Amino acid sequence: MTIDELTREALRLDPTRRATLARQLLASLDDLSEEEIEQLWLEEAERRRIEIQSGRVNPIPMDEVFAQARAARE
């Protein structure tokens, strides 16, 4: 089963079961070593770099993100 297939199946769960699954998945990350965590962050950074360079994602400047967050709180 691919990640996409697994994701589609998980999203079919009712909200309570999805929340339970999310908690279990997050808790499973607590057992990772520092090296594993660093590797995951490096992989995520590379994935994001590729998305930006390909044009699939347009980065938003930090000051704009914070301004939007402040406006949403008001």
N, C-alpha and C. Protein backbone atom coordinates (compact mmCIF):
# COMPACT_ATOMS: atom_id res chain seq x y z
N MET A 1 0.85 -1.17 0.00
CA MET A 1 0.00 0.00 0.00
C MET A 1 0.90 1.24 0.00
N THR A 2 0.58 2.19 -0.85
CA THR A 2 1.37 3.43 -0.91
C THR A 2 0.92 4.40 0.17
N ILE A 3 1.72 5.42 0.38
CA ILE A 3 1.35 6.47 1.34
C ILE A 3 0.05 7.13 0.91
N ASP A 4 -0.10 7.40 -0.39
CA ASP A 4 -1.33 8.03 -0.88
C ASP A 4 -2.55 7.16 -0.61
N GLU A 5 -2.42 5.86 -0.83
CA GLU A 5 -3.53 4.94 -0.56
C GLU A 5 -3.85 4.91 0.93
N LEU A 6 -2.81 4.85 1.73
CA LEU A 6 -2.99 4.83 3.18
C LEU A 6 -3.66 6.12 3.66
N THR A 7 -3.23 7.24 3.10
CA THR A 7 -3.82 8.53 3.46
C THR A 7 -5.30 8.56 3.11
N ARG A 8 -5.63 8.12 1.90
CA ARG A 8 -7.06 8.10 1.49
C ARG A 8 -7.88 7.23 2.44
N GLU A 9 -7.34 6.08 2.81
CA GLU A 9 -8.06 5.20 3.74
C GLU A 9 -8.21 5.87 5.11
N ALA A 10 -7.16 6.48 5.59
CA ALA A 10 -7.22 7.14 6.90
C ALA A 10 -8.23 8.28 6.90
N LEU A 11 -8.31 9.02 5.80
CA LEU A 11 -9.24 10.15 5.73
C LEU A 11 -10.69 9.70 5.66
N ARG A 12 -10.91 8.44 5.37
CA ARG A 12 -12.28 7.90 5.37
C ARG A 12 -12.77 7.57 6.78
N LEU A 13 -11.85 7.54 7.74
CA LEU A 13 -12.24 7.27 9.12
C LEU A 13 -13.04 8.43 9.68
N ASP A 14 -13.87 8.12 10.68
CA ASP A 14 -14.61 9.20 11.33
C ASP A 14 -13.61 10.03 12.14
N PRO A 15 -13.96 11.26 12.47
CA PRO A 15 -13.01 12.17 13.15
C PRO A 15 -12.39 11.61 14.42
N THR A 16 -13.15 10.88 15.21
CA THR A 16 -12.60 10.34 16.45
C THR A 16 -11.51 9.31 16.16
N ARG A 17 -11.76 8.45 15.21
CA ARG A 17 -10.75 7.44 14.86
C ARG A 17 -9.54 8.08 14.19
N ARG A 18 -9.76 9.11 13.38
CA ARG A 18 -8.62 9.82 12.77
C ARG A 18 -7.77 10.46 13.86
N ALA A 19 -8.41 11.06 14.85
CA ALA A 19 -7.66 11.69 15.95
C ALA A 19 -6.87 10.64 16.72
N THR A 20 -7.47 9.49 16.96
CA THR A 20 -6.76 8.41 17.65
C THR A 20 -5.56 7.96 16.84
N LEU A 21 -5.75 7.77 15.55
CA LEU A 21 -4.65 7.38 14.67
C LEU A 21 -3.55 8.44 14.68
N ALA A 22 -3.94 9.70 14.60
CA ALA A 22 -2.95 10.79 14.60
C ALA A 22 -2.14 10.78 15.90
N ARG A 23 -2.81 10.60 17.03
CA ARG A 23 -2.10 10.55 18.32
C ARG A 23 -1.12 9.38 18.35
N GLN A 24 -1.55 8.23 17.85
CA GLN A 24 -0.67 7.06 17.85
C GLN A 24 0.53 7.26 16.94
N LEU A 25 0.30 7.85 15.78
CA LEU A 25 1.40 8.10 14.86
C LEU A 25 2.39 9.10 15.46
N LEU A 26 1.87 10.17 16.05
CA LEU A 26 2.76 11.16 16.66
C LEU A 26 3.54 10.56 17.83
N ALA A 27 2.87 9.76 18.64
CA ALA A 27 3.54 9.13 19.77
C ALA A 27 4.66 8.20 19.30
N SER A 28 4.47 7.57 18.16
CA SER A 28 5.49 6.66 17.65
C SER A 28 6.78 7.40 17.28
N LEU A 29 6.67 8.69 17.02
CA LEU A 29 7.86 9.47 16.69
C LEU A 29 8.71 9.77 17.91
N ASP A 30 8.13 9.65 19.10
CA ASP A 30 8.89 9.90 20.33
C ASP A 30 10.03 8.92 20.52
N ASP A 31 9.94 7.77 19.86
CA ASP A 31 10.95 6.73 20.03
C ASP A 31 12.12 6.87 19.06
N LEU A 32 12.09 7.89 18.22
CA LEU A 32 13.16 8.06 17.24
C LEU A 32 14.43 8.60 17.89
N SER A 33 15.56 8.20 17.35
CA SER A 33 16.84 8.72 17.83
C SER A 33 17.05 10.13 17.27
N GLU A 34 18.02 10.84 17.83
CA GLU A 34 18.35 12.18 17.33
C GLU A 34 18.74 12.13 15.86
N GLU A 35 19.48 11.08 15.49
CA GLU A 35 19.91 10.94 14.10
C GLU A 35 18.70 10.73 13.16
N GLU A 36 17.75 9.93 13.61
CA GLU A 36 16.55 9.69 12.79
C GLU A 36 15.73 10.97 12.64
N ILE A 37 15.61 11.71 13.72
CA ILE A 37 14.87 12.98 13.67
C ILE A 37 15.56 13.95 12.72
N GLU A 38 16.88 14.05 12.82
CA GLU A 38 17.62 14.94 11.93
C GLU A 38 17.44 14.52 10.47
N GLN A 39 17.47 13.22 10.21
CA GLN A 39 17.27 12.74 8.85
C GLN A 39 15.88 13.09 8.32
N LEU A 40 14.87 12.96 9.17
CA LEU A 40 13.51 13.32 8.76
C LEU A 40 13.41 14.81 8.42
N TRP A 41 14.06 15.66 9.23
CA TRP A 41 14.04 17.09 8.95
C TRP A 41 14.77 17.41 7.65
N LEU A 42 15.88 16.73 7.40
CA LEU A 42 16.61 16.95 6.16
C LEU A 42 15.77 16.53 4.95
N GLU A 43 15.07 15.41 5.07
CA GLU A 43 14.21 14.95 3.99
C GLU A 43 13.06 15.94 3.75
N GLU A 44 12.51 16.46 4.82
CA GLU A 44 11.42 17.43 4.69
C GLU A 44 11.92 18.72 4.04
N ALA A 45 13.09 19.18 4.46
CA ALA A 45 13.66 20.39 3.86
C ALA A 45 13.90 20.20 2.36
N GLU A 46 14.40 19.04 1.99
CA GLU A 46 14.63 18.75 0.57
C GLU A 46 13.32 18.70 -0.21
N ARG A 47 12.30 18.08 0.39
CA ARG A 47 10.99 18.02 -0.27
C ARG A 47 10.44 19.42 -0.51
N ARG A 48 10.57 20.28 0.49
CA ARG A 48 10.08 21.65 0.36
C ARG A 48 10.88 22.44 -0.67
N ARG A 49 12.21 22.23 -0.69
CA ARG A 49 13.05 22.91 -1.68
C ARG A 49 12.63 22.54 -3.09
N ILE A 50 12.38 21.27 -3.31
CA ILE A 50 11.95 20.80 -4.63
C ILE A 50 10.61 21.40 -5.01
N GLU A 51 9.67 21.45 -4.06
CA GLU A 51 8.35 22.03 -4.34
C GLU A 51 8.48 23.50 -4.73
N ILE A 52 9.32 24.24 -4.04
CA ILE A 52 9.49 25.66 -4.34
C ILE A 52 10.18 25.84 -5.69
N GLN A 53 11.24 25.10 -5.93
CA GLN A 53 11.97 25.24 -7.19
C GLN A 53 11.12 24.82 -8.39
N SER A 54 10.23 23.86 -8.19
CA SER A 54 9.39 23.40 -9.31
C SER A 54 8.23 24.35 -9.57
N GLY A 55 7.97 25.26 -8.64
CA GLY A 55 6.86 26.20 -8.80
C GLY A 55 5.54 25.67 -8.27
N ARG A 56 5.54 24.46 -7.72
CA ARG A 56 4.30 23.91 -7.15
C ARG A 56 3.87 24.67 -5.91
N VAL A 57 4.83 25.26 -5.23
CA VAL A 57 4.56 26.00 -4.00
C VAL A 57 5.22 27.36 -4.10
N ASN A 58 4.50 28.39 -3.70
CA ASN A 58 5.07 29.73 -3.67
C ASN A 58 5.29 30.12 -2.21
N PRO A 59 6.54 30.38 -1.83
CA PRO A 59 6.80 30.74 -0.44
C PRO A 59 6.16 32.08 -0.10
N ILE A 60 5.79 32.22 1.16
CA ILE A 60 5.21 33.46 1.66
C ILE A 60 6.23 34.07 2.62
N PRO A 61 6.56 35.35 2.45
CA PRO A 61 7.52 35.99 3.35
C PRO A 61 7.06 35.92 4.80
N MET A 62 8.02 35.73 5.70
CA MET A 62 7.72 35.57 7.11
C MET A 62 6.89 36.72 7.68
N ASP A 63 7.23 37.96 7.32
CA ASP A 63 6.48 39.09 7.87
C ASP A 63 5.03 39.05 7.43
N GLU A 64 4.77 38.57 6.23
CA GLU A 64 3.39 38.44 5.76
C GLU A 64 2.64 37.34 6.52
N VAL A 65 3.32 36.25 6.79
CA VAL A 65 2.70 35.17 7.56
C VAL A 65 2.33 35.66 8.96
N PHE A 66 3.26 36.37 9.61
CA PHE A 66 2.97 36.87 10.95
C PHE A 66 1.86 37.92 10.93
N ALA A 67 1.83 38.76 9.92
CA ALA A 67 0.77 39.76 9.81
C ALA A 67 -0.59 39.08 9.66
N GLN A 68 -0.64 38.04 8.84
CA GLN A 68 -1.90 37.30 8.66
C GLN A 68 -2.31 36.62 9.96
N ALA A 69 -1.35 36.08 10.70
CA ALA A 69 -1.66 35.41 11.96
C ALA A 69 -2.19 36.42 12.98
N ARG A 70 -1.55 37.59 13.04
CA ARG A 70 -2.02 38.63 13.97
C ARG A 70 -3.43 39.09 13.60
N ALA A 71 -3.68 39.27 12.32
CA ALA A 71 -5.00 39.72 11.86
C ALA A 71 -6.06 38.68 12.17
N ALA A 72 -5.71 37.42 12.09
CA ALA A 72 -6.68 36.34 12.36
C ALA A 72 -7.04 36.29 13.84
N ARG A 73 -6.13 36.72 14.71
CA ARG A 73 -6.39 36.71 16.15
C ARG A 73 -7.28 37.86 16.59
N GLU A 74 -7.36 38.88 15.79
CA GLU A 74 -8.14 40.08 16.18
C GLU A 74 -9.60 39.89 15.93
